[in-house]
Protein backbone atom coordinates (compact mmCIF):
# COMPACT_ATOMS: atom_id res chain seq x y z
CA MET A 1 118.10 44.38 204.44
CA LYS A 2 120.04 47.55 203.75
CA LYS A 3 123.03 47.02 201.46
CA PRO A 4 126.48 47.97 202.73
CA PRO A 5 127.98 51.14 201.10
CA ARG A 6 130.27 49.15 198.74
CA MET A 7 127.38 46.98 197.59
CA GLN A 8 125.25 50.10 197.02
CA PHE A 9 128.03 51.56 194.90
CA LEU A 10 128.36 48.37 192.84
CA ALA A 11 124.63 48.10 192.38
CA SER A 12 124.40 51.67 191.27
CA SER A 13 127.31 51.22 188.85
CA LEU A 14 125.74 48.14 187.32
CA ALA A 15 122.41 49.93 186.92
CA CYS A 16 124.18 52.78 185.11
CA LEU A 17 125.90 50.36 182.76
CA ALA A 18 122.59 48.58 182.10
CA ALA A 19 120.91 51.89 181.40
CA GLN A 20 123.68 53.00 179.08
CA PHE A 21 123.39 49.70 177.15
CA CYS A 22 119.62 50.15 176.84
CA LEU A 23 120.08 53.68 175.41
CA THR A 24 122.49 52.34 172.86
CA ALA A 25 120.52 49.20 171.98
CA CYS A 26 117.18 51.00 171.70
CA GLY A 27 118.59 53.64 169.35
CA ALA A 28 118.13 56.60 171.70
CA GLN A 29 121.20 58.26 170.31
CA ASP A 30 119.46 59.36 167.15
CA THR A 31 120.49 63.01 166.71
CA SER A 32 118.00 64.04 163.92
CA TYR A 33 115.08 66.33 164.61
CA GLY A 34 112.75 68.66 162.72
CA GLU A 35 111.84 72.27 163.20
CA ARG A 36 110.84 72.91 166.80
CA ALA A 37 107.46 74.35 167.58
CA LEU A 38 107.27 77.65 169.46
CA ILE A 39 104.81 77.30 172.33
CA LYS A 40 105.01 80.82 173.77
CA MET A 41 107.22 83.82 173.44
CA VAL A 42 107.09 87.19 175.21
CA SER A 43 109.82 89.56 173.99
CA GLU A 44 110.24 92.81 172.08
CA SER A 45 113.97 92.20 171.65
CA PRO A 46 115.15 91.29 168.09
CA ASP A 47 118.29 89.70 169.51
CA PHE A 48 116.22 87.52 171.82
CA ARG A 49 113.90 86.49 169.00
CA SER A 50 116.89 85.64 166.85
CA ILE A 51 118.22 83.29 169.55
CA VAL A 52 114.87 81.57 169.73
CA GLU A 53 114.76 81.02 165.99
CA HIS A 54 118.28 79.58 166.03
CA ILE A 55 117.14 77.08 168.65
CA ARG A 56 114.09 76.12 166.61
CA ASN A 57 115.94 75.68 163.33
CA PRO A 58 117.53 72.15 162.95
CA LYS A 59 119.96 73.57 160.40
CA THR A 60 121.57 76.02 162.85
CA PRO A 61 125.28 75.10 163.10
CA ARG A 62 126.38 73.68 166.39
CA ASP A 63 128.88 75.76 168.42
CA LYS A 64 131.81 73.61 169.61
CA ASP A 65 131.92 72.92 173.35
CA GLU A 66 135.46 74.41 173.72
CA GLU A 67 134.44 77.57 171.92
CA LEU A 68 131.48 78.10 174.25
CA ILE A 69 133.64 77.43 177.28
CA GLU A 70 136.44 79.69 176.03
CA HIS A 71 134.07 82.57 175.41
CA TRP A 72 131.61 82.30 178.29
CA VAL A 73 133.37 80.46 181.14
CA LYS A 74 137.05 81.45 180.73
CA GLY A 75 136.13 84.87 179.40
CA ARG A 76 133.65 85.38 182.26
CA LYS A 77 131.15 87.03 179.89
CA ASP A 78 127.65 87.90 180.95
CA PRO A 79 125.27 85.65 178.91
CA GLN A 80 122.24 87.91 179.57
CA VAL A 81 120.02 85.23 177.93
CA TYR A 82 119.89 81.75 179.54
CA PHE A 83 118.50 78.28 178.67
CA ARG A 84 117.18 75.30 180.61
CA ILE A 85 114.92 72.34 180.01
CA THR A 86 111.94 71.04 181.92
CA SER A 87 108.85 68.87 181.50
CA ARG A 88 106.15 70.43 179.31
CA ASN A 89 103.60 69.50 182.02
CA TYR A 90 105.48 71.76 184.39
CA VAL A 91 104.57 74.96 182.47
CA TYR A 92 100.93 74.05 181.95
CA GLY A 93 98.16 74.43 184.47
CA GLN A 94 95.50 71.83 185.37
CA GLN A 95 93.30 73.12 182.54
CA GLY A 96 95.98 72.36 179.95
CA LYS A 97 96.72 76.03 179.32
CA PHE A 98 100.06 77.80 179.54
CA ASN A 99 100.65 79.11 183.07
CA GLU A 100 102.45 82.46 183.23
CA GLU A 101 102.63 82.06 187.02
CA ALA A 102 104.71 78.86 186.68
CA VAL A 103 108.34 79.18 187.88
CA LEU A 104 111.57 78.13 186.31
CA GLY A 105 112.25 75.31 188.71
CA GLY A 106 111.64 73.82 192.12
CA GLY A 107 114.25 75.56 194.37
CA PRO A 108 115.33 79.10 195.21
CA TYR A 109 118.05 78.82 192.49
CA VAL A 110 117.97 76.82 189.22
CA PHE A 111 120.63 75.55 186.93
CA LEU A 112 121.02 77.35 183.62
CA THR A 113 123.28 77.30 180.56
CA VAL A 114 123.71 79.46 177.47
CA PRO A 115 121.07 79.18 174.70
CA GLN A 116 123.77 78.11 172.25
CA ALA A 117 123.69 74.79 174.11
CA ALA A 118 120.58 73.94 172.04
CA TYR A 119 121.93 75.09 168.70
CA GLY A 120 122.07 72.04 166.40
CA ARG A 121 121.65 69.59 169.23
CA SER A 122 118.88 66.95 169.53
CA LEU A 123 117.07 66.33 172.81
CA TYR A 124 119.36 63.40 173.47
CA GLU A 125 122.48 65.49 172.88
CA ILE A 126 121.13 68.25 175.10
CA TYR A 127 120.50 65.67 177.90
CA ALA A 128 124.03 64.33 177.47
CA ASP A 129 125.79 67.70 177.41
CA LEU A 130 123.82 69.00 180.38
CA GLY A 131 125.07 66.08 182.52
CA TYR A 132 122.11 63.73 182.55
CA ASP A 133 123.24 60.13 183.07
CA ALA A 134 121.70 57.10 181.36
CA GLU A 135 119.32 56.41 184.23
CA GLY A 136 118.23 60.02 184.28
CA VAL A 137 117.39 59.94 180.59
CA LEU A 138 115.50 56.68 180.96
CA ARG A 139 113.36 58.18 183.72
CA GLN A 140 112.35 60.94 181.27
CA ARG A 141 111.27 58.57 178.49
CA GLY A 142 107.86 59.30 177.02
CA GLN A 143 107.83 62.70 178.77
CA SER A 144 107.42 65.77 176.54
CA MET A 145 110.14 68.35 177.25
CA VAL A 146 110.47 72.04 176.55
CA GLY A 147 113.35 74.42 176.30
CA LEU A 148 113.05 77.62 178.33
CA VAL A 149 114.87 80.69 176.96
CA VAL A 150 114.92 83.36 179.65
CA GLN A 151 116.12 86.86 180.23
CA TYR A 152 115.92 88.43 183.66
CA GLN A 153 114.83 91.92 184.50
CA GLN A 154 117.59 94.57 184.60
CA ASP A 155 117.63 94.60 188.49
CA LEU A 156 119.07 91.11 188.38
CA LYS A 157 122.72 90.98 187.42
CA PHE A 158 125.51 88.50 186.54
CA SER A 159 128.46 87.99 188.89
CA SER A 160 131.79 86.91 187.49
CA GLU A 161 133.17 86.11 190.95
CA ARG A 162 134.32 82.55 191.48
CA ASP A 163 135.61 82.44 195.11
CA GLY A 164 132.40 82.66 197.11
CA LYS A 165 132.88 86.37 197.79
CA GLY A 166 131.72 89.56 196.04
CA PRO A 167 127.90 89.88 195.82
CA LEU A 168 127.47 86.68 197.87
CA ALA A 169 128.61 88.60 200.95
CA GLY A 170 126.06 91.36 200.44
CA SER A 171 122.42 91.70 201.53
CA ASP A 172 121.15 91.56 197.92
CA TYR A 173 123.02 88.30 197.05
CA TYR A 174 119.74 86.84 195.75
CA LYS A 175 119.66 89.36 192.81
CA TYR A 176 122.57 87.71 190.97
CA VAL A 177 123.31 84.87 188.56
CA TYR A 178 126.44 82.91 189.63
CA THR A 179 128.93 80.49 188.12
CA PRO A 180 128.49 77.39 190.33
CA THR A 181 132.08 76.82 191.45
CA TRP A 182 132.41 74.86 194.65
CA GLU A 183 133.24 78.05 196.58
CA ASN A 184 130.25 79.99 195.20
CA SER A 185 127.95 76.97 195.79
CA PHE A 186 129.01 76.54 199.40
CA THR A 187 128.45 80.20 200.19
CA LEU A 188 125.17 80.43 198.33
CA PHE A 189 123.85 77.35 200.12
CA ALA A 190 124.74 78.89 203.44
CA ARG A 191 123.08 82.19 202.57
CA LEU A 192 119.89 80.47 201.41
CA ALA A 193 119.75 78.58 204.69
CA GLU A 194 119.81 81.75 206.72
CA SER A 195 116.05 82.14 206.65
CA GLU A 196 113.04 80.37 205.21
CA ASP A 197 112.15 83.19 202.84
CA PRO A 198 114.94 85.69 202.14
CA ASN A 199 113.29 89.10 201.63
CA GLY A 200 110.06 87.41 200.53
CA VAL A 201 111.35 87.02 196.91
CA LEU A 202 112.66 83.48 196.45
CA PRO A 203 110.88 80.10 197.19
CA TYR A 204 112.19 79.25 200.62
CA LEU A 205 114.75 76.49 201.24
CA ALA A 206 113.02 74.06 203.58
CA PHE A 207 114.84 71.67 205.98
CA ARG A 208 113.65 68.80 208.09
CA GLY A 209 114.93 70.41 211.23
CA THR A 210 117.33 72.95 212.77
CA SER A 211 120.25 70.48 212.62
CA ASP A 212 120.21 70.25 208.79
CA ARG A 213 119.76 74.02 208.53
CA SER A 214 122.74 74.61 210.85
CA MET A 215 124.85 72.12 208.90
CA ALA A 216 124.08 74.02 205.71
CA ARG A 217 125.02 77.34 207.35
CA PHE A 218 128.01 76.41 209.44
CA PHE A 219 129.67 73.31 207.94
CA PRO A 220 133.46 73.87 208.51
CA ALA A 221 135.49 75.32 205.64
CA GLU A 222 138.13 72.54 205.89
CA ARG A 223 135.43 69.87 205.55
CA ARG A 224 133.96 71.73 202.58
CA THR A 225 137.37 71.42 200.87
CA GLN A 226 137.12 67.65 201.29
CA ILE A 227 133.69 67.60 199.70
CA ALA A 228 135.09 69.47 196.68
CA VAL A 229 138.10 67.18 196.08
CA LEU A 230 136.87 63.69 197.05
CA PRO A 231 134.93 61.65 194.47
CA TYR A 232 131.18 61.31 195.13
CA ALA A 233 131.38 57.54 195.43
CA ILE A 234 134.12 57.78 198.14
CA LEU A 235 132.02 60.22 200.18
CA ARG A 236 128.98 57.96 199.92
CA ALA A 237 131.02 54.85 200.92
CA ALA A 238 132.57 56.68 203.90
CA GLY A 239 129.31 58.16 205.15
CA GLY A 240 129.29 60.43 208.24
CA PRO A 241 128.90 64.22 208.31
CA ASP A 242 130.67 64.81 204.98
CA TRP A 243 128.23 62.57 203.21
CA GLN A 244 125.32 64.09 205.05
CA TYR A 245 126.38 67.54 203.89
CA ARG A 246 126.93 66.30 200.29
CA GLN A 247 123.41 64.86 200.27
CA LEU A 248 122.02 68.23 201.39
CA LEU A 249 123.79 69.90 198.49
CA GLU A 250 122.22 67.39 196.11
CA ASN A 251 118.69 67.41 197.61
CA LYS A 252 118.40 71.15 198.20
CA MET A 253 120.56 72.64 195.40
CA GLY A 254 120.40 69.96 192.69
CA MET A 255 124.18 69.32 192.80
CA ASN A 256 124.08 65.69 191.74
CA SER A 257 126.91 63.14 191.50
CA HIS A 258 128.06 64.62 188.20
CA PHE A 259 128.38 68.17 189.50
CA ARG A 260 131.95 69.35 188.84
CA GLY A 261 132.07 72.67 190.63
CA VAL A 262 133.98 74.45 187.84
CA GLY A 263 131.16 76.11 185.92
CA ILE A 264 131.18 73.41 183.18
CA THR A 265 128.76 70.48 182.88
CA GLU A 266 129.97 66.90 182.48
CA ASN A 267 128.86 64.84 179.46
CA THR A 268 128.28 61.45 181.12
CA LEU A 269 126.55 59.70 178.21
CA SER A 270 129.23 60.23 175.61
CA PRO A 271 132.47 60.87 177.59
CA GLY A 272 134.68 59.43 174.88
CA ASN A 273 133.71 61.71 171.97
CA ASP A 274 135.82 64.72 172.93
CA ARG A 275 132.77 66.64 174.26
CA THR A 276 134.04 68.80 177.11
CA GLY A 277 130.68 70.03 178.53
CA LEU A 278 128.77 73.31 178.50
CA PRO A 279 128.87 76.55 180.47
CA GLU A 280 126.90 76.16 183.67
CA TYR A 281 125.18 78.83 185.90
CA VAL A 282 122.70 79.11 188.74
CA GLY A 283 120.12 81.81 188.66
CA PRO A 284 117.24 82.96 190.93
CA ASN A 285 113.99 81.20 190.44
CA ARG A 286 111.31 83.42 188.90
CA LYS A 287 107.84 83.23 187.52
CA PHE A 288 107.55 83.66 183.77
CA SER A 289 105.50 86.81 184.38
CA GLU A 290 108.43 88.33 186.33
CA LEU A 291 110.93 87.90 183.45
CA ALA A 292 111.95 90.56 180.94
CA SER A 293 111.72 88.06 178.13
CA TYR A 294 110.99 84.38 177.83
CA ALA A 295 110.21 81.65 175.24
CA VAL A 296 109.03 78.10 175.57
CA ILE A 297 110.11 75.69 172.76
CA ASP A 298 108.85 72.20 172.23
CA LEU A 299 111.82 69.78 172.33
CA GLY A 300 109.86 66.62 171.77
CA ARG A 301 110.25 63.46 173.86
CA MET A 302 112.50 60.42 174.04
CA GLU A 303 110.96 57.10 173.13
CA PHE A 304 112.66 53.73 173.45
CA LYS A 305 111.35 50.72 171.62
CA GLU A 306 112.55 47.37 170.45
CA VAL A 307 112.99 47.03 166.68
CA PRO A 308 113.67 43.90 164.72
CA SER A 309 117.16 43.28 163.51
CA PRO A 310 117.82 43.52 159.74
CA PRO A 311 117.71 40.12 157.98
CA ILE A 312 121.03 38.26 157.59
CA LYS A 313 122.00 38.08 153.99
CA PRO A 314 124.21 35.12 153.07
CA LYS A 315 127.49 36.11 151.71
CA LYS A 316 128.16 35.41 148.03
CA ALA A 317 130.90 32.81 147.44
CA ALA A 318 134.16 34.32 146.20
CA PRO A 319 134.82 33.55 142.52
CA LYS A 320 137.35 30.79 141.94
């Protein structure tokens, strides 16, 4: 029997709490790590190579979240070099060899951050700062992960626009990296839904039928505003067209329940430790062979196991 929306919300909340407890109890929050192995690098740029070495070195000082946000997000700077994580299996072919024809992700656009996000951060901390929740991390347990450091070709540029206009209104919108504000995300989603394969460059955005594609393209602006301001749980409980559109954003664009729409990720695993999140971008999906520079760095894997508690030592009696 299908659970009513409120019961689904409660069940999901309890599952998140249980997963968070498991991460804590199993010691997943260990932040130590050794030098990271370099799997592959293609670059002639000394600056790019320096960034890669900083990510590999566990002694690299960590940049504070607020400093990264102040410089990159509020300053609207062009990062030029980006970072994301993925499964190691994703970049290897069936023969167990590195696949230069592998792409950055599964959709037309992929989420990115700045490479400084990996400076001095363990895999657990990267997961947390990128917005993975406890359930998401548990689903990745035992899976080897890699960090992708990427630099696009010069014909692909960075847009500092935040209001869904600028390059997004042009015919070459797919040649830009964007800050995923709600306005940019709504417009980009609509543009990607215009055709199955825009200009033959990006992996197409597939839909189950014309109704979903039409909703992606023509969902009313006033209803989009509601999507941006109402909490995810409220939209889910209410259902209807707003929830249907929100699900399309999640399934097609990767904008999950923790998406904030302000160009900053949300740390959902450690929300009480003054971590404010990391700069967030969306960039066109590309094959490794189509990039100007790229590096693949081994980030290890998360393992969760039960360990015995330390023995209880009887307290010495206080001297009389």
